Amino acid sequence: VLREKLEPALSDAVINELSFDKADLSFTPRMIKIKASSVIVHVNWQGEWTFKGRTIKDRGVSALVFKKDTMKLIRIDGDNIFHVPSVRQ
């Protein structure tokens, strides 16, 4: 499902970095900018990831840049919502 919503170049980078048992993300949109070829959604986000029985929380601020004609995510400026914080073993 994630591959369908991301441009191919971003999709490979994101999917190769995913490693968790469970994730819960919430987003609070702050501003939307519509440009000639893109739509930029500024969000605050919070996440909780579970990996091998351990849970870690993180939060951040991001600008999600979508290609206007396909509405596929092409870039993430700011904190990467798909980056799973490291869990110290």
N, C-alpha and C. Protein backbone atom coordinates (compact mmCIF):
# COMPACT_ATOMS: atom_id res chain seq x y z
N VAL A 1 0.83 -1.19 0.00
CA VAL A 1 0.00 0.00 0.00
C VAL A 1 0.88 1.25 0.00
N LEU A 2 1.94 1.23 0.79
CA LEU A 2 2.81 2.40 0.88
C LEU A 2 3.44 2.72 -0.48
N ARG A 3 3.86 1.70 -1.21
CA ARG A 3 4.48 1.92 -2.53
C ARG A 3 3.53 2.65 -3.47
N GLU A 4 2.24 2.41 -3.36
CA GLU A 4 1.26 3.04 -4.24
C GLU A 4 1.13 4.54 -3.97
N LYS A 5 1.47 4.98 -2.79
CA LYS A 5 1.29 6.39 -2.40
C LYS A 5 2.57 7.21 -2.50
N LEU A 6 3.69 6.55 -2.81
CA LEU A 6 4.98 7.24 -2.88
C LEU A 6 5.55 7.16 -4.29
N GLU A 7 6.25 8.20 -4.69
CA GLU A 7 6.98 8.15 -5.96
C GLU A 7 8.06 7.07 -5.83
N PRO A 8 8.41 6.38 -6.93
CA PRO A 8 9.35 5.26 -6.85
C PRO A 8 10.67 5.56 -6.15
N ALA A 9 11.29 6.70 -6.42
CA ALA A 9 12.58 7.01 -5.78
C ALA A 9 12.45 7.11 -4.27
N LEU A 10 11.39 7.71 -3.79
CA LEU A 10 11.17 7.82 -2.35
C LEU A 10 10.72 6.49 -1.76
N SER A 11 9.93 5.76 -2.50
CA SER A 11 9.39 4.49 -2.04
C SER A 11 10.50 3.51 -1.65
N ASP A 12 11.49 3.36 -2.51
CA ASP A 12 12.59 2.43 -2.22
C ASP A 12 13.34 2.84 -0.96
N ALA A 13 13.62 4.13 -0.82
CA ALA A 13 14.35 4.61 0.36
C ALA A 13 13.55 4.39 1.64
N VAL A 14 12.25 4.63 1.59
CA VAL A 14 11.40 4.48 2.77
C VAL A 14 11.26 3.01 3.15
N ILE A 15 10.91 2.19 2.20
CA ILE A 15 10.61 0.78 2.49
C ILE A 15 11.86 0.03 2.96
N ASN A 16 13.02 0.38 2.45
CA ASN A 16 14.26 -0.28 2.89
C ASN A 16 14.60 0.05 4.34
N GLU A 17 14.07 1.15 4.87
CA GLU A 17 14.37 1.56 6.24
C GLU A 17 13.35 1.07 7.27
N LEU A 18 12.24 0.52 6.82
CA LEU A 18 11.19 0.11 7.76
C LEU A 18 11.55 -1.20 8.45
N SER A 19 11.54 -1.18 9.77
CA SER A 19 11.76 -2.41 10.54
C SER A 19 11.15 -2.22 11.92
N PHE A 20 9.92 -2.68 12.06
CA PHE A 20 9.22 -2.61 13.34
C PHE A 20 8.13 -3.66 13.34
N ASP A 21 7.65 -3.99 14.53
CA ASP A 21 6.56 -4.94 14.65
C ASP A 21 5.21 -4.24 14.57
N LYS A 22 5.16 -3.01 15.11
CA LYS A 22 3.92 -2.26 15.14
C LYS A 22 4.26 -0.78 15.17
N ALA A 23 3.44 0.04 14.50
CA ALA A 23 3.64 1.49 14.53
C ALA A 23 2.30 2.18 14.62
N ASP A 24 2.28 3.30 15.34
CA ASP A 24 1.09 4.12 15.45
C ASP A 24 1.52 5.57 15.23
N LEU A 25 1.01 6.20 14.17
CA LEU A 25 1.37 7.57 13.85
C LEU A 25 0.13 8.44 13.85
N SER A 26 0.26 9.65 14.36
CA SER A 26 -0.85 10.61 14.28
C SER A 26 -0.30 11.92 13.73
N PHE A 27 -1.14 12.60 12.94
CA PHE A 27 -0.73 13.83 12.26
C PHE A 27 -1.68 14.97 12.60
N THR A 28 -1.12 16.15 12.75
CA THR A 28 -1.92 17.36 12.92
C THR A 28 -1.51 18.32 11.81
N PRO A 29 -2.34 18.46 10.77
CA PRO A 29 -2.00 19.39 9.69
C PRO A 29 -1.98 20.83 10.20
N ARG A 30 -1.01 21.61 9.75
CA ARG A 30 -0.87 23.00 10.19
C ARG A 30 -1.10 23.98 9.05
N MET A 31 -0.70 23.62 7.84
CA MET A 31 -0.85 24.53 6.71
C MET A 31 -0.71 23.73 5.42
N ILE A 32 -1.46 24.12 4.40
CA ILE A 32 -1.38 23.49 3.09
C ILE A 32 -1.09 24.58 2.07
N LYS A 33 -0.06 24.34 1.23
CA LYS A 33 0.28 25.25 0.15
C LYS A 33 0.06 24.53 -1.17
N ILE A 34 -0.69 25.15 -2.07
CA ILE A 34 -0.92 24.57 -3.38
C ILE A 34 -0.13 25.39 -4.39
N LYS A 35 0.79 24.71 -5.08
CA LYS A 35 1.63 25.37 -6.08
C LYS A 35 1.30 24.79 -7.45
N ALA A 36 1.98 25.29 -8.49
CA ALA A 36 1.70 24.86 -9.86
C ALA A 36 1.85 23.35 -10.05
N SER A 37 2.90 22.75 -9.48
CA SER A 37 3.12 21.32 -9.70
C SER A 37 3.13 20.50 -8.42
N SER A 38 2.91 21.13 -7.26
CA SER A 38 2.97 20.38 -6.01
C SER A 38 1.96 20.89 -4.99
N VAL A 39 1.71 20.04 -4.02
CA VAL A 39 0.91 20.39 -2.85
C VAL A 39 1.78 20.09 -1.64
N ILE A 40 1.96 21.06 -0.77
CA ILE A 40 2.83 20.89 0.40
C ILE A 40 1.96 20.95 1.64
N VAL A 41 2.03 19.89 2.44
CA VAL A 41 1.24 19.80 3.67
C VAL A 41 2.21 19.84 4.85
N HIS A 42 2.11 20.90 5.63
CA HIS A 42 2.94 21.03 6.84
C HIS A 42 2.21 20.36 7.99
N VAL A 43 2.88 19.44 8.68
CA VAL A 43 2.24 18.69 9.76
C VAL A 43 3.14 18.60 10.99
N ASN A 44 2.51 18.49 12.12
CA ASN A 44 3.16 18.02 13.34
C ASN A 44 2.77 16.56 13.45
N TRP A 45 3.67 15.71 13.88
CA TRP A 45 3.33 14.29 14.00
C TRP A 45 3.90 13.72 15.29
N GLN A 46 3.26 12.64 15.72
CA GLN A 46 3.73 11.87 16.88
C GLN A 46 3.67 10.41 16.48
N GLY A 47 4.65 9.65 16.93
CA GLY A 47 4.66 8.24 16.59
C GLY A 47 5.10 7.38 17.75
N GLU A 48 4.66 6.15 17.71
CA GLU A 48 5.06 5.14 18.69
C GLU A 48 5.33 3.85 17.92
N TRP A 49 6.54 3.31 18.08
CA TRP A 49 6.94 2.11 17.37
C TRP A 49 7.26 1.01 18.37
N THR A 50 6.90 -0.20 18.04
CA THR A 50 7.23 -1.36 18.86
C THR A 50 8.11 -2.27 18.03
N PHE A 51 9.23 -2.65 18.61
CA PHE A 51 10.20 -3.52 17.94
C PHE A 51 10.77 -4.50 18.95
N LYS A 52 10.55 -5.77 18.71
CA LYS A 52 11.04 -6.82 19.61
C LYS A 52 10.63 -6.58 21.05
N GLY A 53 9.38 -6.18 21.26
CA GLY A 53 8.85 -6.00 22.60
C GLY A 53 9.17 -4.67 23.26
N ARG A 54 9.96 -3.85 22.62
CA ARG A 54 10.30 -2.53 23.19
C ARG A 54 9.56 -1.45 22.43
N THR A 55 9.13 -0.42 23.13
CA THR A 55 8.39 0.67 22.51
C THR A 55 9.18 1.96 22.65
N ILE A 56 9.19 2.73 21.58
CA ILE A 56 9.86 4.03 21.59
C ILE A 56 8.92 5.05 20.96
N LYS A 57 8.95 6.27 21.50
CA LYS A 57 8.10 7.35 21.00
C LYS A 57 8.98 8.43 20.40
N ASP A 58 8.42 9.14 19.43
CA ASP A 58 9.12 10.27 18.83
C ASP A 58 8.07 11.22 18.25
N ARG A 59 8.48 12.42 17.95
CA ARG A 59 7.58 13.40 17.34
C ARG A 59 8.41 14.33 16.47
N GLY A 60 7.74 15.06 15.61
CA GLY A 60 8.47 15.95 14.74
C GLY A 60 7.56 16.88 13.95
N VAL A 61 8.20 17.68 13.11
CA VAL A 61 7.52 18.62 12.24
C VAL A 61 8.04 18.37 10.83
N SER A 62 7.12 18.20 9.88
CA SER A 62 7.51 17.88 8.51
C SER A 62 6.68 18.66 7.51
N ALA A 63 7.26 18.81 6.33
CA ALA A 63 6.53 19.30 5.17
C ALA A 63 6.48 18.13 4.19
N LEU A 64 5.29 17.64 3.92
CA LEU A 64 5.10 16.53 3.00
C LEU A 64 4.80 17.12 1.62
N VAL A 65 5.65 16.83 0.66
CA VAL A 65 5.52 17.41 -0.67
C VAL A 65 4.96 16.36 -1.61
N PHE A 66 3.78 16.65 -2.18
CA PHE A 66 3.10 15.74 -3.08
C PHE A 66 3.14 16.29 -4.51
N LYS A 67 3.27 15.40 -5.48
CA LYS A 67 3.16 15.78 -6.88
C LYS A 67 1.68 16.07 -7.14
N LYS A 68 1.39 17.26 -7.63
CA LYS A 68 0.00 17.71 -7.71
C LYS A 68 -0.87 16.82 -8.59
N ASP A 69 -0.39 16.37 -9.73
CA ASP A 69 -1.26 15.63 -10.64
C ASP A 69 -1.53 14.19 -10.20
N THR A 70 -0.66 13.60 -9.40
CA THR A 70 -0.87 12.22 -8.93
C THR A 70 -1.14 12.13 -7.43
N MET A 71 -0.82 13.20 -6.70
CA MET A 71 -0.90 13.24 -5.24
C MET A 71 -0.08 12.13 -4.59
N LYS A 72 1.02 11.77 -5.24
CA LYS A 72 1.98 10.84 -4.63
C LYS A 72 3.03 11.66 -3.90
N LEU A 73 3.47 11.14 -2.77
CA LEU A 73 4.49 11.82 -1.97
C LEU A 73 5.82 11.74 -2.71
N ILE A 74 6.44 12.91 -2.92
CA ILE A 74 7.72 12.93 -3.64
C ILE A 74 8.89 13.32 -2.74
N ARG A 75 8.60 13.98 -1.61
CA ARG A 75 9.69 14.43 -0.75
C ARG A 75 9.17 14.72 0.65
N ILE A 76 10.05 14.56 1.62
CA ILE A 76 9.74 14.92 3.01
C ILE A 76 10.80 15.91 3.46
N ASP A 77 10.38 17.12 3.77
CA ASP A 77 11.29 18.14 4.30
C ASP A 77 11.08 18.19 5.81
N GLY A 78 12.16 18.26 6.56
CA GLY A 78 12.05 18.28 8.02
C GLY A 78 12.24 16.89 8.57
N ASP A 79 11.54 16.60 9.66
CA ASP A 79 11.69 15.30 10.33
C ASP A 79 11.00 14.21 9.49
N ASN A 80 11.71 13.14 9.25
CA ASN A 80 11.19 12.06 8.42
C ASN A 80 10.24 11.18 9.23
N ILE A 81 8.98 11.18 8.85
CA ILE A 81 7.96 10.41 9.57
C ILE A 81 8.16 8.92 9.44
N PHE A 82 8.92 8.50 8.43
CA PHE A 82 9.12 7.06 8.21
C PHE A 82 10.38 6.54 8.88
N HIS A 83 11.18 7.42 9.45
CA HIS A 83 12.40 6.99 10.14
C HIS A 83 12.02 6.46 11.51
N VAL A 84 12.29 5.21 11.74
CA VAL A 84 11.99 4.60 13.03
C VAL A 84 13.14 4.90 13.98
N PRO A 85 12.88 5.55 15.11
CA PRO A 85 13.96 5.85 16.06
C PRO A 85 14.65 4.56 16.51
N SER A 86 15.92 4.65 16.77
CA SER A 86 16.65 3.45 17.17
C SER A 86 16.25 3.03 18.58
N VAL A 87 16.17 1.74 18.77
CA VAL A 87 15.87 1.16 20.07
C VAL A 87 17.18 0.56 20.58
N ARG A 88 17.69 1.10 21.64
CA ARG A 88 18.96 0.58 22.18
C ARG A 88 18.73 -0.80 22.75
N GLN A 89 19.51 -1.74 22.31
CA GLN A 89 19.38 -3.13 22.74
C GLN A 89 20.15 -3.39 24.02
